Amino acid sequence: MPITNDAVATAVDEAGVLLRADGADLHLVGFDVDAASVRVAVDISGSNCVECIIPPDLLAVMLTDAINRSLDVTVEVVVDDPRRDDPSLGISADGSH
């Protein structure tokens, strides 16, 4: 059964639960069926406690697992996390606080 954009969007929305408790969210950026790749973006704009959000490296592993489990196939999940690019957010390159 081919993976549809709707199925990917639903999987990403369900995986976003991991972030919403801390005021963050997850958005689908794109899905490449030929490359079996999903790109998502972490949105921290609504969070009052960026440090409370799961660290980037652990979050990427958790999101990959959650999305693959939801789709019942293996896809590469690329996570765009603004905390990796902004030293003012207090997250080191390895994702620790």
N, C-alpha and C. Protein backbone atom coordinates (compact mmCIF):
# COMPACT_ATOMS: atom_id res chain seq x y z
N MET A 1 0.85 -1.19 0.00
CA MET A 1 0.00 0.00 0.00
C MET A 1 0.89 1.25 0.00
N PRO A 2 0.70 2.15 -0.95
CA PRO A 2 1.52 3.36 -1.00
C PRO A 2 1.20 4.31 0.15
N ILE A 3 2.19 5.06 0.53
CA ILE A 3 2.02 6.05 1.59
C ILE A 3 1.45 7.31 0.96
N THR A 4 0.38 7.83 1.55
CA THR A 4 -0.25 9.04 1.02
C THR A 4 0.19 10.25 1.83
N ASN A 5 0.03 11.42 1.24
CA ASN A 5 0.32 12.66 1.96
C ASN A 5 -0.56 12.79 3.20
N ASP A 6 -1.81 12.35 3.10
CA ASP A 6 -2.72 12.41 4.25
C ASP A 6 -2.22 11.54 5.39
N ALA A 7 -1.73 10.34 5.05
CA ALA A 7 -1.22 9.43 6.08
C ALA A 7 0.01 10.02 6.76
N VAL A 8 0.88 10.64 5.97
CA VAL A 8 2.07 11.28 6.53
C VAL A 8 1.67 12.45 7.42
N ALA A 9 0.75 13.27 6.95
CA ALA A 9 0.29 14.43 7.74
C ALA A 9 -0.33 13.97 9.06
N THR A 10 -1.10 12.90 9.03
CA THR A 10 -1.70 12.37 10.25
C THR A 10 -0.63 11.85 11.19
N ALA A 11 0.36 11.14 10.66
CA ALA A 11 1.45 10.62 11.49
C ALA A 11 2.24 11.74 12.14
N VAL A 12 2.50 12.81 11.40
CA VAL A 12 3.23 13.96 11.94
C VAL A 12 2.39 14.64 13.02
N ASP A 13 1.10 14.80 12.76
CA ASP A 13 0.22 15.42 13.75
C ASP A 13 0.20 14.61 15.04
N GLU A 14 0.11 13.29 14.91
CA GLU A 14 0.11 12.43 16.10
C GLU A 14 1.44 12.50 16.84
N ALA A 15 2.55 12.56 16.13
CA ALA A 15 3.86 12.66 16.75
C ALA A 15 4.04 14.02 17.45
N GLY A 16 3.33 15.02 16.98
CA GLY A 16 3.41 16.36 17.58
C GLY A 16 2.97 16.40 19.03
N VAL A 17 2.24 15.39 19.46
CA VAL A 17 1.81 15.30 20.86
C VAL A 17 3.03 15.35 21.79
N LEU A 18 4.16 14.82 21.32
CA LEU A 18 5.39 14.82 22.12
C LEU A 18 5.84 16.24 22.47
N LEU A 19 5.40 17.22 21.70
CA LEU A 19 5.85 18.60 21.88
C LEU A 19 4.80 19.53 22.47
N ARG A 20 3.55 19.23 22.23
CA ARG A 20 2.48 20.18 22.57
C ARG A 20 2.36 20.47 24.06
N ALA A 21 2.68 19.50 24.91
CA ALA A 21 2.58 19.73 26.35
C ALA A 21 3.52 20.85 26.81
N ASP A 22 4.59 21.07 26.04
CA ASP A 22 5.55 22.13 26.38
C ASP A 22 5.35 23.38 25.53
N GLY A 23 4.22 23.47 24.83
CA GLY A 23 3.91 24.66 24.06
C GLY A 23 4.54 24.71 22.68
N ALA A 24 5.23 23.65 22.28
CA ALA A 24 5.83 23.59 20.95
C ALA A 24 4.89 22.80 20.03
N ASP A 25 5.26 22.68 18.76
CA ASP A 25 4.45 21.91 17.83
C ASP A 25 5.34 21.35 16.73
N LEU A 26 4.76 20.53 15.89
CA LEU A 26 5.46 19.88 14.80
C LEU A 26 4.67 20.11 13.52
N HIS A 27 5.38 20.46 12.46
CA HIS A 27 4.73 20.72 11.18
C HIS A 27 5.39 19.91 10.08
N LEU A 28 4.59 19.39 9.18
CA LEU A 28 5.09 18.68 8.02
C LEU A 28 5.63 19.70 7.03
N VAL A 29 6.88 19.54 6.64
CA VAL A 29 7.50 20.42 5.66
C VAL A 29 7.39 19.79 4.28
N GLY A 30 7.64 18.49 4.21
CA GLY A 30 7.56 17.83 2.93
C GLY A 30 7.67 16.32 3.05
N PHE A 31 7.24 15.64 2.00
CA PHE A 31 7.31 14.19 1.94
C PHE A 31 7.70 13.80 0.53
N ASP A 32 8.79 13.02 0.43
CA ASP A 32 9.26 12.55 -0.87
C ASP A 32 9.03 11.04 -0.92
N VAL A 33 8.01 10.63 -1.66
CA VAL A 33 7.65 9.22 -1.71
C VAL A 33 8.76 8.39 -2.34
N ASP A 34 9.43 8.92 -3.36
CA ASP A 34 10.49 8.17 -4.03
C ASP A 34 11.70 7.94 -3.12
N ALA A 35 12.02 8.92 -2.31
CA ALA A 35 13.16 8.81 -1.40
C ALA A 35 12.74 8.24 -0.04
N ALA A 36 11.44 8.03 0.15
CA ALA A 36 10.90 7.56 1.44
C ALA A 36 11.44 8.44 2.57
N SER A 37 11.23 9.75 2.40
CA SER A 37 11.76 10.73 3.34
C SER A 37 10.67 11.72 3.74
N VAL A 38 10.61 11.99 5.04
CA VAL A 38 9.68 12.96 5.59
C VAL A 38 10.49 14.05 6.27
N ARG A 39 10.18 15.30 5.98
CA ARG A 39 10.84 16.43 6.65
C ARG A 39 9.81 17.14 7.50
N VAL A 40 10.16 17.32 8.78
CA VAL A 40 9.28 18.01 9.71
C VAL A 40 10.05 19.17 10.34
N ALA A 41 9.29 20.14 10.83
CA ALA A 41 9.90 21.30 11.50
C ALA A 41 9.30 21.42 12.90
N VAL A 42 10.18 21.65 13.86
CA VAL A 42 9.76 21.90 15.23
C VAL A 42 9.47 23.38 15.34
N ASP A 43 8.30 23.71 15.87
CA ASP A 43 7.89 25.10 16.07
C ASP A 43 7.89 25.38 17.57
N ILE A 44 8.83 26.21 18.01
CA ILE A 44 8.94 26.52 19.44
C ILE A 44 8.39 27.89 19.78
N SER A 45 7.74 28.53 18.82
CA SER A 45 7.28 29.91 19.02
C SER A 45 6.25 30.04 20.13
N GLY A 46 5.51 28.98 20.43
CA GLY A 46 4.49 29.05 21.47
C GLY A 46 4.95 28.57 22.83
N SER A 47 6.23 28.21 22.93
CA SER A 47 6.73 27.65 24.18
C SER A 47 7.30 28.74 25.09
N ASN A 48 6.91 28.68 26.35
CA ASN A 48 7.47 29.58 27.34
C ASN A 48 8.68 28.97 28.03
N CYS A 49 8.96 27.70 27.72
CA CYS A 49 10.06 26.99 28.36
C CYS A 49 10.76 26.13 27.32
N VAL A 50 11.63 26.74 26.52
CA VAL A 50 12.33 26.00 25.47
C VAL A 50 13.17 24.88 26.08
N GLU A 51 13.71 25.12 27.27
CA GLU A 51 14.53 24.11 27.94
C GLU A 51 13.71 22.88 28.33
N CYS A 52 12.40 23.03 28.43
CA CYS A 52 11.52 21.93 28.83
C CYS A 52 11.25 20.95 27.68
N ILE A 53 11.46 21.40 26.46
CA ILE A 53 11.19 20.56 25.29
C ILE A 53 12.27 19.49 25.19
N ILE A 54 11.88 18.30 24.79
CA ILE A 54 12.80 17.19 24.62
C ILE A 54 14.01 17.66 23.81
N PRO A 55 15.24 17.36 24.26
CA PRO A 55 16.45 17.77 23.53
C PRO A 55 16.42 17.30 22.07
N PRO A 56 17.01 18.08 21.16
CA PRO A 56 16.92 17.81 19.72
C PRO A 56 17.29 16.39 19.29
N ASP A 57 18.41 15.85 19.78
CA ASP A 57 18.82 14.52 19.33
C ASP A 57 17.83 13.45 19.76
N LEU A 58 17.40 13.50 21.00
CA LEU A 58 16.42 12.53 21.50
C LEU A 58 15.08 12.72 20.80
N LEU A 59 14.70 13.96 20.58
CA LEU A 59 13.44 14.24 19.89
C LEU A 59 13.45 13.64 18.49
N ALA A 60 14.55 13.78 17.76
CA ALA A 60 14.64 13.23 16.40
C ALA A 60 14.44 11.72 16.41
N VAL A 61 15.04 11.03 17.37
CA VAL A 61 14.87 9.58 17.48
C VAL A 61 13.41 9.23 17.79
N MET A 62 12.82 9.95 18.73
CA MET A 62 11.44 9.68 19.12
C MET A 62 10.47 9.95 17.97
N LEU A 63 10.69 11.05 17.25
CA LEU A 63 9.80 11.37 16.13
C LEU A 63 9.93 10.34 15.02
N THR A 64 11.16 9.93 14.72
CA THR A 64 11.38 8.92 13.69
C THR A 64 10.63 7.65 14.04
N ASP A 65 10.76 7.22 15.29
CA ASP A 65 10.09 6.00 15.74
C ASP A 65 8.57 6.16 15.66
N ALA A 66 8.06 7.28 16.14
CA ALA A 66 6.61 7.49 16.17
C ALA A 66 6.01 7.55 14.76
N ILE A 67 6.68 8.26 13.86
CA ILE A 67 6.17 8.40 12.48
C ILE A 67 6.25 7.06 11.75
N ASN A 68 7.37 6.35 11.88
CA ASN A 68 7.49 5.05 11.22
C ASN A 68 6.48 4.05 11.76
N ARG A 69 6.24 4.07 13.05
CA ARG A 69 5.26 3.16 13.66
C ARG A 69 3.86 3.50 13.14
N SER A 70 3.55 4.77 13.06
CA SER A 70 2.23 5.19 12.59
C SER A 70 2.01 4.83 11.12
N LEU A 71 3.05 4.98 10.31
CA LEU A 71 2.93 4.67 8.88
C LEU A 71 3.08 3.18 8.59
N ASP A 72 3.62 2.44 9.55
CA ASP A 72 3.86 1.01 9.40
C ASP A 72 4.84 0.70 8.27
N VAL A 73 5.75 1.63 8.01
CA VAL A 73 6.85 1.45 7.06
C VAL A 73 8.04 2.23 7.61
N THR A 74 9.18 2.04 6.99
CA THR A 74 10.36 2.78 7.42
C THR A 74 10.63 3.91 6.44
N VAL A 75 10.62 5.12 6.95
CA VAL A 75 10.99 6.29 6.16
C VAL A 75 12.06 7.05 6.92
N GLU A 76 12.86 7.79 6.20
CA GLU A 76 13.83 8.67 6.84
C GLU A 76 13.07 9.90 7.32
N VAL A 77 13.29 10.29 8.55
CA VAL A 77 12.65 11.48 9.09
C VAL A 77 13.73 12.51 9.37
N VAL A 78 13.63 13.65 8.69
CA VAL A 78 14.56 14.76 8.88
C VAL A 78 13.85 15.81 9.72
N VAL A 79 14.48 16.18 10.83
CA VAL A 79 13.86 17.11 11.77
C VAL A 79 14.60 18.45 11.73
N ASP A 80 13.89 19.49 11.32
CA ASP A 80 14.42 20.85 11.38
C ASP A 80 14.06 21.41 12.75
N ASP A 81 15.08 21.61 13.59
CA ASP A 81 14.86 22.07 14.95
C ASP A 81 15.63 23.38 15.14
N PRO A 82 14.92 24.50 15.34
CA PRO A 82 15.59 25.79 15.43
C PRO A 82 16.56 25.90 16.60
N ARG A 83 16.43 25.04 17.57
CA ARG A 83 17.33 25.08 18.72
C ARG A 83 18.74 24.70 18.35
N ARG A 84 18.90 23.97 17.26
CA ARG A 84 20.24 23.58 16.80
C ARG A 84 21.00 24.77 16.21
N ASP A 85 20.27 25.74 15.71
CA ASP A 85 20.87 26.86 15.00
C ASP A 85 20.96 28.15 15.81
N ASP A 86 20.41 28.16 17.01
CA ASP A 86 20.36 29.39 17.79
C ASP A 86 20.99 29.19 19.16
N PRO A 87 22.26 29.61 19.31
CA PRO A 87 22.96 29.41 20.58
C PRO A 87 22.29 30.13 21.76
N SER A 88 21.48 31.11 21.49
CA SER A 88 20.82 31.84 22.58
C SER A 88 19.76 31.00 23.27
N LEU A 89 19.40 29.87 22.67
CA LEU A 89 18.37 29.01 23.24
C LEU A 89 18.95 28.05 24.28
N GLY A 90 20.26 28.06 24.45
CA GLY A 90 20.89 27.27 25.50
C GLY A 90 20.98 25.79 25.22
N ILE A 91 20.97 25.40 23.95
CA ILE A 91 21.10 24.00 23.58
C ILE A 91 22.44 23.83 22.89
N SER A 92 23.25 22.87 23.36
CA SER A 92 24.55 22.65 22.74
C SER A 92 24.40 21.86 21.46
N ALA A 93 25.47 21.74 20.70
CA ALA A 93 25.42 21.05 19.42
C ALA A 93 24.97 19.60 19.55
N ASP A 94 25.24 18.97 20.70
CA ASP A 94 24.81 17.58 20.88
C ASP A 94 23.40 17.46 21.41
N GLY A 95 22.73 18.60 21.59
CA GLY A 95 21.34 18.60 22.01
C GLY A 95 21.14 18.69 23.50
N SER A 96 22.22 18.76 24.27
CA SER A 96 22.06 18.86 25.72
C SER A 96 21.82 20.31 26.12
N HIS A 97 21.33 20.48 27.33
CA HIS A 97 21.02 21.82 27.84
C HIS A 97 22.25 22.46 28.42
